Amino acid sequence: MKANSLRNKKKVDYQALQSPLMRIPKMDIAVTRSLIDLGIKEIYELKGRDPNILHEEARRINEEINDYSIRYFRLAVYYSENITHLDKNKIHPDDWT
């Protein structure tokens, strides 16, 4: 029984958890993993990027990425471009519907 419960345990993505991208407020770990898989490892690398295109590219790599996650891509790009002048009404994924 113990061996079976270990197999069902979720893997922890330590690389994504330790990524500078996790400094973005309310950032989702799965979206962070997607950005890393796209070659984006630092917040500044998101500047000027189109969140919709990033989302599409991430879905090509991982079909499990859902439509809701686009909010996190939009939040991440906004944060990268406005890190010193953040609008408090735009630092939550639900603000990016």
PDB file of N, CA and C in Angstrom:
ATOM      1  N   MET A   1       0.823  -1.196   0.000  1.00  0.00           N
ATOM      2  CA  MET A   1       0.000   0.000   0.000  1.00  0.00           C
ATOM      3  C   MET A   1       0.867   1.260   0.000  1.00  0.00           C
ATOM      4  N   LYS A   2       1.937   1.253   0.751  1.00  0.00           N
ATOM      5  CA  LYS A   2       2.806   2.420   0.816  1.00  0.00           C
ATOM      6  C   LYS A   2       3.438   2.735  -0.548  1.00  0.00           C
ATOM      7  N   ALA A   3       3.890   1.725  -1.253  1.00  0.00           N
ATOM      8  CA  ALA A   3       4.495   1.929  -2.578  1.00  0.00           C
ATOM      9  C   ALA A   3       3.484   2.522  -3.549  1.00  0.00           C
ATOM     10  N   ASN A   4       2.237   2.080  -3.471  1.00  0.00           N
ATOM     11  CA  ASN A   4       1.185   2.596  -4.340  1.00  0.00           C
ATOM     12  C   ASN A   4       0.925   4.074  -4.065  1.00  0.00           C
ATOM     13  N   SER A   5       0.905   4.471  -2.799  1.00  0.00           N
ATOM     14  CA  SER A   5       0.654   5.878  -2.473  1.00  0.00           C
ATOM     15  C   SER A   5       1.813   6.759  -2.929  1.00  0.00           C
ATOM     16  N   LEU A   6       3.038   6.219  -2.940  1.00  0.00           N
ATOM     17  CA  LEU A   6       4.173   6.995  -3.429  1.00  0.00           C
ATOM     18  C   LEU A   6       4.088   7.226  -4.930  1.00  0.00           C
ATOM     19  N   ARG A   7       3.579   6.262  -5.673  1.00  0.00           N
ATOM     20  CA  ARG A   7       3.437   6.420  -7.120  1.00  0.00           C
ATOM     21  C   ARG A   7       2.387   7.467  -7.464  1.00  0.00           C
ATOM     22  N   ASN A   8       1.372   7.598  -6.632  1.00  0.00           N
ATOM     23  CA  ASN A   8       0.291   8.538  -6.896  1.00  0.00           C
ATOM     24  C   ASN A   8       0.622   9.955  -6.437  1.00  0.00           C
ATOM     25  N   LYS A   9       1.719  10.102  -5.732  1.00  0.00           N
ATOM     26  CA  LYS A   9       2.100  11.412  -5.232  1.00  0.00           C
ATOM     27  C   LYS A   9       2.556  12.298  -6.388  1.00  0.00           C
ATOM     28  N   LYS A  10       2.119  13.548  -6.369  1.00  0.00           N
ATOM     29  CA  LYS A  10       2.486  14.492  -7.419  1.00  0.00           C
ATOM     30  C   LYS A  10       3.955  14.864  -7.316  1.00  0.00           C
ATOM     31  N   LYS A  11       4.599  15.004  -8.456  1.00  0.00           N
ATOM     32  CA  LYS A  11       5.968  15.487  -8.473  1.00  0.00           C
ATOM     33  C   LYS A  11       5.971  16.987  -8.234  1.00  0.00           C
ATOM     34  N   VAL A  12       6.959  17.447  -7.524  1.00  0.00           N
ATOM     35  CA  VAL A  12       7.111  18.876  -7.269  1.00  0.00           C
ATOM     36  C   VAL A  12       8.105  19.423  -8.284  1.00  0.00           C
ATOM     37  N   ASP A  13       7.734  20.504  -8.942  1.00  0.00           N
ATOM     38  CA  ASP A  13       8.582  21.117  -9.955  1.00  0.00           C
ATOM     39  C   ASP A  13       9.474  22.165  -9.275  1.00  0.00           C
ATOM     40  N   TYR A  14      10.588  21.690  -8.737  1.00  0.00           N
ATOM     41  CA  TYR A  14      11.475  22.586  -7.996  1.00  0.00           C
ATOM     42  C   TYR A  14      12.098  23.654  -8.878  1.00  0.00           C
ATOM     43  N   GLN A  15      12.380  23.326 -10.123  1.00  0.00           N
ATOM     44  CA  GLN A  15      12.960  24.331 -11.022  1.00  0.00           C
ATOM     45  C   GLN A  15      11.993  25.491 -11.206  1.00  0.00           C
ATOM     46  N   ALA A  16      10.730  25.184 -11.429  1.00  0.00           N
ATOM     47  CA  ALA A  16       9.741  26.242 -11.601  1.00  0.00           C
ATOM     48  C   ALA A  16       9.530  27.011 -10.299  1.00  0.00           C
ATOM     49  N   LEU A  17       9.469  26.312  -9.191  1.00  0.00           N
ATOM     50  CA  LEU A  17       9.274  26.972  -7.894  1.00  0.00           C
ATOM     51  C   LEU A  17      10.398  27.940  -7.568  1.00  0.00           C
ATOM     52  N   GLN A  18      11.619  27.614  -7.971  1.00  0.00           N
ATOM     53  CA  GLN A  18      12.768  28.450  -7.672  1.00  0.00           C
ATOM     54  C   GLN A  18      13.048  29.488  -8.752  1.00  0.00           C
ATOM     55  N   SER A  19      12.239  29.509  -9.789  1.00  0.00           N
ATOM     56  CA  SER A  19      12.439  30.423 -10.910  1.00  0.00           C
ATOM     57  C   SER A  19      12.153  31.875 -10.509  1.00  0.00           C
ATOM     58  N   PRO A  20      12.916  32.810 -11.066  1.00  0.00           N
ATOM     59  CA  PRO A  20      12.617  34.229 -10.852  1.00  0.00           C
ATOM     60  C   PRO A  20      11.194  34.593 -11.298  1.00  0.00           C
ATOM     61  N   LEU A  21      10.615  33.815 -12.211  1.00  0.00           N
ATOM     62  CA  LEU A  21       9.249  34.097 -12.681  1.00  0.00           C
ATOM     63  C   LEU A  21       8.226  33.969 -11.558  1.00  0.00           C
ATOM     64  N   MET A  22       8.561  33.222 -10.520  1.00  0.00           N
ATOM     65  CA  MET A  22       7.645  33.061  -9.397  1.00  0.00           C
ATOM     66  C   MET A  22       7.576  34.319  -8.526  1.00  0.00           C
ATOM     67  N   ARG A  23       8.404  35.315  -8.816  1.00  0.00           N
ATOM     68  CA  ARG A  23       8.320  36.602  -8.115  1.00  0.00           C
ATOM     69  C   ARG A  23       7.116  37.408  -8.589  1.00  0.00           C
ATOM     70  N   ILE A  24       6.549  37.016  -9.712  1.00  0.00           N
ATOM     71  CA  ILE A  24       5.350  37.694 -10.221  1.00  0.00           C
ATOM     72  C   ILE A  24       4.198  37.357  -9.273  1.00  0.00           C
ATOM     73  N   PRO A  25       3.498  38.374  -8.764  1.00  0.00           N
ATOM     74  CA  PRO A  25       2.421  38.108  -7.803  1.00  0.00           C
ATOM     75  C   PRO A  25       1.370  37.154  -8.369  1.00  0.00           C
ATOM     76  N   LYS A  26       0.959  36.190  -7.567  1.00  0.00           N
ATOM     77  CA  LYS A  26      -0.109  35.230  -7.894  1.00  0.00           C
ATOM     78  C   LYS A  26       0.232  34.324  -9.073  1.00  0.00           C
ATOM     79  N   MET A  27       1.504  34.199  -9.411  1.00  0.00           N
ATOM     80  CA  MET A  27       1.898  33.413 -10.578  1.00  0.00           C
ATOM     81  C   MET A  27       1.605  31.934 -10.372  1.00  0.00           C
ATOM     82  N   ASP A  28       1.150  31.290 -11.423  1.00  0.00           N
ATOM     83  CA  ASP A  28       0.802  29.879 -11.412  1.00  0.00           C
ATOM     84  C   ASP A  28       2.037  29.040 -11.736  1.00  0.00           C
ATOM     85  N   ILE A  29       2.242  27.982 -10.992  1.00  0.00           N
ATOM     86  CA  ILE A  29       3.413  27.130 -11.177  1.00  0.00           C
ATOM     87  C   ILE A  29       3.416  26.449 -12.552  1.00  0.00           C
ATOM     88  N   ALA A  30       2.250  26.044 -13.038  1.00  0.00           N
ATOM     89  CA  ALA A  30       2.172  25.381 -14.347  1.00  0.00           C
ATOM     90  C   ALA A  30       2.504  26.362 -15.475  1.00  0.00           C
ATOM     91  N   VAL A  31       2.087  27.608 -15.331  1.00  0.00           N
ATOM     92  CA  VAL A  31       2.413  28.615 -16.345  1.00  0.00           C
ATOM     93  C   VAL A  31       3.905  28.934 -16.287  1.00  0.00           C
ATOM     94  N   THR A  32       4.450  28.980 -15.087  1.00  0.00           N
ATOM     95  CA  THR A  32       5.891  29.181 -14.949  1.00  0.00           C
ATOM     96  C   THR A  32       6.641  28.066 -15.664  1.00  0.00           C
ATOM     97  N   ARG A  33       6.214  26.838 -15.471  1.00  0.00           N
ATOM     98  CA  ARG A  33       6.832  25.700 -16.163  1.00  0.00           C
ATOM     99  C   ARG A  33       6.724  25.873 -17.673  1.00  0.00           C
ATOM    100  N   SER A  34       5.565  26.322 -18.149  1.00  0.00           N
ATOM    101  CA  SER A  34       5.375  26.533 -19.589  1.00  0.00           C
ATOM    102  C   SER A  34       6.328  27.587 -20.131  1.00  0.00           C
ATOM    103  N   LEU A  35       6.501  28.673 -19.385  1.00  0.00           N
ATOM    104  CA  LEU A  35       7.415  29.724 -19.827  1.00  0.00           C
ATOM    105  C   LEU A  35       8.853  29.214 -19.860  1.00  0.00           C
ATOM    106  N   ILE A  36       9.237  28.440 -18.863  1.00  0.00           N
ATOM    107  CA  ILE A  36      10.580  27.855 -18.850  1.00  0.00           C
ATOM    108  C   ILE A  36      10.758  26.945 -20.058  1.00  0.00           C
ATOM    109  N   ASP A  37       9.737  26.155 -20.365  1.00  0.00           N
ATOM    110  CA  ASP A  37       9.797  25.260 -21.515  1.00  0.00           C
ATOM    111  C   ASP A  37       9.915  26.033 -22.831  1.00  0.00           C
ATOM    112  N   LEU A  38       9.434  27.273 -22.840  1.00  0.00           N
ATOM    113  CA  LEU A  38       9.553  28.124 -24.026  1.00  0.00           C
ATOM    114  C   LEU A  38      10.901  28.847 -24.076  1.00  0.00           C
ATOM    115  N   GLY A  39      11.724  28.644 -23.049  1.00  0.00           N
ATOM    116  CA  GLY A  39      13.042  29.277 -23.020  1.00  0.00           C
ATOM    117  C   GLY A  39      13.079  30.583 -22.263  1.00  0.00           C
ATOM    118  N   ILE A  40      11.997  30.940 -21.606  1.00  0.00           N
ATOM    119  CA  ILE A  40      11.929  32.180 -20.838  1.00  0.00           C
ATOM    120  C   ILE A  40      12.229  31.842 -19.379  1.00  0.00           C
ATOM    121  N   LYS A  41      13.300  32.413 -18.864  1.00  0.00           N
ATOM    122  CA  LYS A  41      13.716  32.086 -17.506  1.00  0.00           C
ATOM    123  C   LYS A  41      13.733  33.300 -16.583  1.00  0.00           C
ATOM    124  N   GLU A  42      13.709  34.486 -17.153  1.00  0.00           N
ATOM    125  CA  GLU A  42      13.773  35.725 -16.380  1.00  0.00           C
ATOM    126  C   GLU A  42      12.586  36.613 -16.720  1.00  0.00           C
ATOM    127  N   ILE A  43      12.166  37.432 -15.776  1.00  0.00           N
ATOM    128  CA  ILE A  43      11.014  38.304 -15.968  1.00  0.00           C
ATOM    129  C   ILE A  43      11.237  39.265 -17.128  1.00  0.00           C
ATOM    130  N   TYR A  44      12.426  39.830 -17.236  1.00  0.00           N
ATOM    131  CA  TYR A  44      12.685  40.807 -18.299  1.00  0.00           C
ATOM    132  C   TYR A  44      12.511  40.214 -19.698  1.00  0.00           C
ATOM    133  N   GLU A  45      12.622  38.904 -19.834  1.00  0.00           N
ATOM    134  CA  GLU A  45      12.479  38.262 -21.141  1.00  0.00           C
ATOM    135  C   GLU A  45      11.037  38.284 -21.641  1.00  0.00           C
ATOM    136  N   LEU A  46      10.113  38.673 -20.796  1.00  0.00           N
ATOM    137  CA  LEU A  46       8.700  38.759 -21.195  1.00  0.00           C
ATOM    138  C   LEU A  46       8.343  40.117 -21.801  1.00  0.00           C
ATOM    139  N   LYS A  47       9.191  41.117 -21.593  1.00  0.00           N
ATOM    140  CA  LYS A  47       8.911  42.465 -22.102  1.00  0.00           C
ATOM    141  C   LYS A  47       8.706  42.445 -23.606  1.00  0.00           C
ATOM    142  N   GLY A  48       7.626  43.074 -24.039  1.00  0.00           N
ATOM    143  CA  GLY A  48       7.339  43.192 -25.465  1.00  0.00           C
ATOM    144  C   GLY A  48       6.765  41.937 -26.102  1.00  0.00           C
ATOM    145  N   ARG A  49       6.573  40.898 -25.336  1.00  0.00           N
ATOM    146  CA  ARG A  49       6.037  39.647 -25.881  1.00  0.00           C
ATOM    147  C   ARG A  49       4.512  39.703 -25.901  1.00  0.00           C
ATOM    148  N   ASP A  50       3.917  39.006 -26.829  1.00  0.00           N
ATOM    149  CA  ASP A  50       2.464  38.917 -26.931  1.00  0.00           C
ATOM    150  C   ASP A  50       2.002  37.729 -26.087  1.00  0.00           C
ATOM    151  N   PRO A  51       1.220  37.982 -25.028  1.00  0.00           N
ATOM    152  CA  PRO A  51       0.787  36.878 -24.165  1.00  0.00           C
ATOM    153  C   PRO A  51      -0.038  35.824 -24.905  1.00  0.00           C
ATOM    154  N   ASN A  52      -0.794  36.247 -25.910  1.00  0.00           N
ATOM    155  CA  ASN A  52      -1.605  35.293 -26.671  1.00  0.00           C
ATOM    156  C   ASN A  52      -0.723  34.323 -27.467  1.00  0.00           C
ATOM    157  N   ILE A  53       0.334  34.845 -28.049  1.00  0.00           N
ATOM    158  CA  ILE A  53       1.256  33.993 -28.802  1.00  0.00           C
ATOM    159  C   ILE A  53       2.013  33.066 -27.853  1.00  0.00           C
ATOM    160  N   LEU A  54       2.436  33.587 -26.703  1.00  0.00           N
ATOM    161  CA  LEU A  54       3.109  32.744 -25.715  1.00  0.00           C
ATOM    162  C   LEU A  54       2.192  31.596 -25.286  1.00  0.00           C
ATOM    163  N   HIS A  55       0.923  31.920 -25.077  1.00  0.00           N
ATOM    164  CA  HIS A  55      -0.056  30.909 -24.663  1.00  0.00           C
ATOM    165  C   HIS A  55      -0.223  29.841 -25.743  1.00  0.00           C
ATOM    166  N   GLU A  56      -0.329  30.283 -26.984  1.00  0.00           N
ATOM    167  CA  GLU A  56      -0.465  29.335 -28.106  1.00  0.00           C
ATOM    168  C   GLU A  56       0.769  28.432 -28.219  1.00  0.00           C
ATOM    169  N   GLU A  57       1.954  29.027 -28.105  1.00  0.00           N
ATOM    170  CA  GLU A  57       3.188  28.241 -28.179  1.00  0.00           C
ATOM    171  C   GLU A  57       3.261  27.239 -27.031  1.00  0.00           C
ATOM    172  N   ALA A  58       2.844  27.653 -25.854  1.00  0.00           N
ATOM    173  CA  ALA A  58       2.861  26.762 -24.689  1.00  0.00           C
ATOM    174  C   ALA A  58       1.885  25.606 -24.881  1.00  0.00           C
ATOM    175  N   ARG A  59       0.748  25.875 -25.502  1.00  0.00           N
ATOM    176  CA  ARG A  59      -0.243  24.808 -25.742  1.00  0.00           C
ATOM    177  C   ARG A  59       0.245  23.809 -26.788  1.00  0.00           C
ATOM    178  N   ARG A  60       1.091  24.259 -27.697  1.00  0.00           N
ATOM    179  CA  ARG A  60       1.668  23.328 -28.663  1.00  0.00           C
ATOM    180  C   ARG A  60       2.607  22.340 -27.967  1.00  0.00           C
ATOM    181  N   ILE A  61       3.295  22.812 -26.952  1.00  0.00           N
ATOM    182  CA  ILE A  61       4.218  21.962 -26.197  1.00  0.00           C
ATOM    183  C   ILE A  61       3.457  21.085 -25.200  1.00  0.00           C
ATOM    184  N   ASN A  62       2.450  21.673 -24.550  1.00  0.00           N
ATOM    185  CA  ASN A  62       1.703  20.957 -23.515  1.00  0.00           C
ATOM    186  C   ASN A  62       0.210  21.187 -23.731  1.00  0.00           C
ATOM    187  N   GLU A  63      -0.467  20.196 -24.258  1.00  0.00           N
ATOM    188  CA  GLU A  63      -1.896  20.317 -24.566  1.00  0.00           C
ATOM    189  C   GLU A  63      -2.768  20.437 -23.328  1.00  0.00           C
ATOM    190  N   GLU A  64      -2.212  20.148 -22.164  1.00  0.00           N
ATOM    191  CA  GLU A  64      -2.984  20.226 -20.926  1.00  0.00           C
ATOM    192  C   GLU A  64      -3.171  21.661 -20.431  1.00  0.00           C
ATOM    193  N   ILE A  65      -2.489  22.615 -21.043  1.00  0.00           N
ATOM    194  CA  ILE A  65      -2.650  24.015 -20.650  1.00  0.00           C
ATOM    195  C   ILE A  65      -4.072  24.430 -21.013  1.00  0.00           C
ATOM    196  N   ASN A  66      -4.807  24.943 -20.042  1.00  0.00           N
ATOM    197  CA  ASN A  66      -6.201  25.296 -20.293  1.00  0.00           C
ATOM    198  C   ASN A  66      -6.360  26.749 -20.728  1.00  0.00           C
ATOM    199  N   ASP A  67      -7.556  27.081 -21.163  1.00  0.00           N
ATOM    200  CA  ASP A  67      -7.835  28.444 -21.626  1.00  0.00           C
ATOM    201  C   ASP A  67      -7.719  29.469 -20.503  1.00  0.00           C
ATOM    202  N   TYR A  68      -8.006  29.052 -19.279  1.00  0.00           N
ATOM    203  CA  TYR A  68      -7.934  29.959 -18.131  1.00  0.00           C
ATOM    204  C   TYR A  68      -6.516  30.492 -17.925  1.00  0.00           C
ATOM    205  N   SER A  69      -5.526  29.726 -18.289  1.00  0.00           N
ATOM    206  CA  SER A  69      -4.139  30.111 -18.023  1.00  0.00           C
ATOM    207  C   SER A  69      -3.694  31.346 -18.817  1.00  0.00           C
ATOM    208  N   ILE A  70      -4.417  31.736 -19.845  1.00  0.00           N
ATOM    209  CA  ILE A  70      -4.056  32.943 -20.600  1.00  0.00           C
ATOM    210  C   ILE A  70      -3.965  34.149 -19.671  1.00  0.00           C
ATOM    211  N   ARG A  71      -4.766  34.138 -18.629  1.00  0.00           N
ATOM    212  CA  ARG A  71      -4.743  35.248 -17.666  1.00  0.00           C
ATOM    213  C   ARG A  71      -3.371  35.391 -17.027  1.00  0.00           C
ATOM    214  N   TYR A  72      -2.733  34.279 -16.735  1.00  0.00           N
ATOM    215  CA  TYR A  72      -1.408  34.320 -16.114  1.00  0.00           C
ATOM    216  C   TYR A  72      -0.351  34.801 -17.097  1.00  0.00           C
ATOM    217  N   PHE A  73      -0.487  34.442 -18.357  1.00  0.00           N
ATOM    218  CA  PHE A  73       0.444  34.941 -19.373  1.00  0.00           C
ATOM    219  C   PHE A  73       0.299  36.457 -19.509  1.00  0.00           C
ATOM    220  N   ARG A  74      -0.927  36.951 -19.518  1.00  0.00           N
ATOM    221  CA  ARG A  74      -1.164  38.401 -19.608  1.00  0.00           C
ATOM    222  C   ARG A  74      -0.607  39.118 -18.386  1.00  0.00           C
ATOM    223  N   LEU A  75      -0.859  38.546 -17.208  1.00  0.00           N
ATOM    224  CA  LEU A  75      -0.337  39.119 -15.965  1.00  0.00           C
ATOM    225  C   LEU A  75       1.186  39.167 -15.994  1.00  0.00           C
ATOM    226  N   ALA A  76       1.814  38.100 -16.428  1.00  0.00           N
ATOM    227  CA  ALA A  76       3.271  38.032 -16.448  1.00  0.00           C
ATOM    228  C   ALA A  76       3.878  39.082 -17.372  1.00  0.00           C
ATOM    229  N   VAL A  77       3.307  39.244 -18.556  1.00  0.00           N
ATOM    230  CA  VAL A  77       3.822  40.250 -19.497  1.00  0.00           C
ATOM    231  C   VAL A  77       3.588  41.649 -18.939  1.00  0.00           C
ATOM    232  N   TYR A  78       2.397  41.898 -18.395  1.00  0.00           N
ATOM    233  CA  TYR A  78       2.113  43.208 -17.787  1.00  0.00           C
ATOM    234  C   TYR A  78       3.140  43.507 -16.690  1.00  0.00           C
ATOM    235  N   TYR A  79       3.354  42.541 -15.817  1.00  0.00           N
ATOM    236  CA  TYR A  79       4.281  42.730 -14.703  1.00  0.00           C
ATOM    237  C   TYR A  79       5.683  43.061 -15.216  1.00  0.00           C
ATOM    238  N   SER A  80       6.135  42.346 -16.235  1.00  0.00           N
ATOM    239  CA  SER A  80       7.481  42.577 -16.763  1.00  0.00           C
ATOM    240  C   SER A  80       7.649  43.972 -17.339  1.00  0.00           C
ATOM    241  N   GLU A  81       6.580  44.507 -17.887  1.00  0.00           N
ATOM    242  CA  GLU A  81       6.654  45.820 -18.540  1.00  0.00           C
ATOM    243  C   GLU A  81       6.361  46.975 -17.590  1.00  0.00           C
ATOM    244  N   ASN A  82       5.814  46.685 -16.415  1.00  0.00           N
ATOM    245  CA  ASN A  82       5.399  47.741 -15.493  1.00  0.00           C
ATOM    246  C   ASN A  82       5.880  47.498 -14.071  1.00  0.00           C
ATOM    247  N   ILE A  83       6.977  46.816 -13.928  1.00  0.00           N
ATOM    248  CA  ILE A  83       7.432  46.381 -12.609  1.00  0.00           C
ATOM    249  C   ILE A  83       7.595  47.537 -11.619  1.00  0.00           C
ATOM    250  N   THR A  84       7.937  48.721 -12.103  1.00  0.00           N
ATOM    251  CA  THR A  84       8.118  49.855 -11.186  1.00  0.00           C
ATOM    252  C   THR A  84       6.852  50.692 -11.018  1.00  0.00           C
ATOM    253  N   HIS A  85       5.878  50.543 -11.898  1.00  0.00           N
ATOM    254  CA  HIS A  85       4.632  51.327 -11.816  1.00  0.00           C
ATOM    255  C   HIS A  85       3.421  50.423 -11.949  1.00  0.00           C
ATOM    256  N   LEU A  86       3.298  49.474 -11.044  1.00  0.00           N
ATOM    257  CA  LEU A  86       2.197  48.514 -11.121  1.00  0.00           C
ATOM    258  C   LEU A  86       0.873  49.134 -10.712  1.00  0.00           C
ATOM    259  N   ASP A  87      -0.154  48.845 -11.478  1.00  0.00           N
ATOM    260  CA  ASP A  87      -1.521  49.211 -11.130  1.00  0.00           C
ATOM    261  C   ASP A  87      -2.056  48.095 -10.235  1.00  0.00           C
ATOM    262  N   LYS A  88      -2.421  48.441  -9.006  1.00  0.00           N
ATOM    263  CA  LYS A  88      -2.873  47.420  -8.046  1.00  0.00           C
ATOM    264  C   LYS A  88      -4.087  46.642  -8.536  1.00  0.00           C
ATOM    265  N   ASN A  89      -4.819  47.197  -9.486  1.00  0.00           N
ATOM    266  CA  ASN A  89      -5.982  46.510 -10.037  1.00  0.00           C
ATOM    267  C   ASN A  89      -5.615  45.544 -11.151  1.00  0.00           C
ATOM    268  N   LYS A  90      -4.330  45.404 -11.437  1.00  0.00           N
ATOM    269  CA  LYS A  90      -3.912  44.530 -12.531  1.00  0.00           C
ATOM    270  C   LYS A  90      -2.890  43.483 -12.092  1.00  0.00           C
ATOM    271  N   ILE A  91      -2.789  43.237 -10.801  1.00  0.00           N
ATOM    272  CA  ILE A  91      -1.807  42.258 -10.353  1.00  0.00           C
ATOM    273  C   ILE A  91      -2.477  40.985  -9.796  1.00  0.00           C
ATOM    274  N   HIS A  92      -3.610  40.686 -10.336  1.00  0.00           N
ATOM    275  CA  HIS A  92      -4.289  39.421 -10.021  1.00  0.00           C
ATOM    276  C   HIS A  92      -4.749  38.803 -11.341  1.00  0.00           C
ATOM    277  N   PRO A  93      -4.613  37.500 -11.512  1.00  0.00           N
ATOM    278  CA  PRO A  93      -4.993  36.873 -12.787  1.00  0.00           C
ATOM    279  C   PRO A  93      -6.444  37.134 -13.191  1.00  0.00           C
ATOM    280  N   ASP A  94      -7.328  37.263 -12.215  1.00  0.00           N
ATOM    281  CA  ASP A  94      -8.737  37.506 -12.537  1.00  0.00           C
ATOM    282  C   ASP A  94      -8.982  38.879 -13.147  1.00  0.00           C
ATOM    283  N   ASP A  95      -8.011  39.769 -13.037  1.00  0.00           N
ATOM    284  CA  ASP A  95      -8.122  41.098 -13.657  1.00  0.00           C
ATOM    285  C   ASP A  95      -7.846  41.030 -15.157  1.00  0.00           C
ATOM    286  N   TRP A  96      -7.421  39.872 -15.647  1.00  0.00           N
ATOM    287  CA  TRP A  96      -7.001  39.729 -17.032  1.00  0.00           C
ATOM    288  C   TRP A  96      -7.905  38.784 -17.821  1.00  0.00           C
ATOM    289  N   THR A  97      -9.207  38.918 -17.648  1.00  0.00           N
ATOM    290  CA  THR A  97     -10.146  38.049 -18.360  1.00  0.00           C
ATOM    291  C   THR A  97     -10.221  38.375 -19.830  1.00  0.00           C
TER     292      THR A  97
END
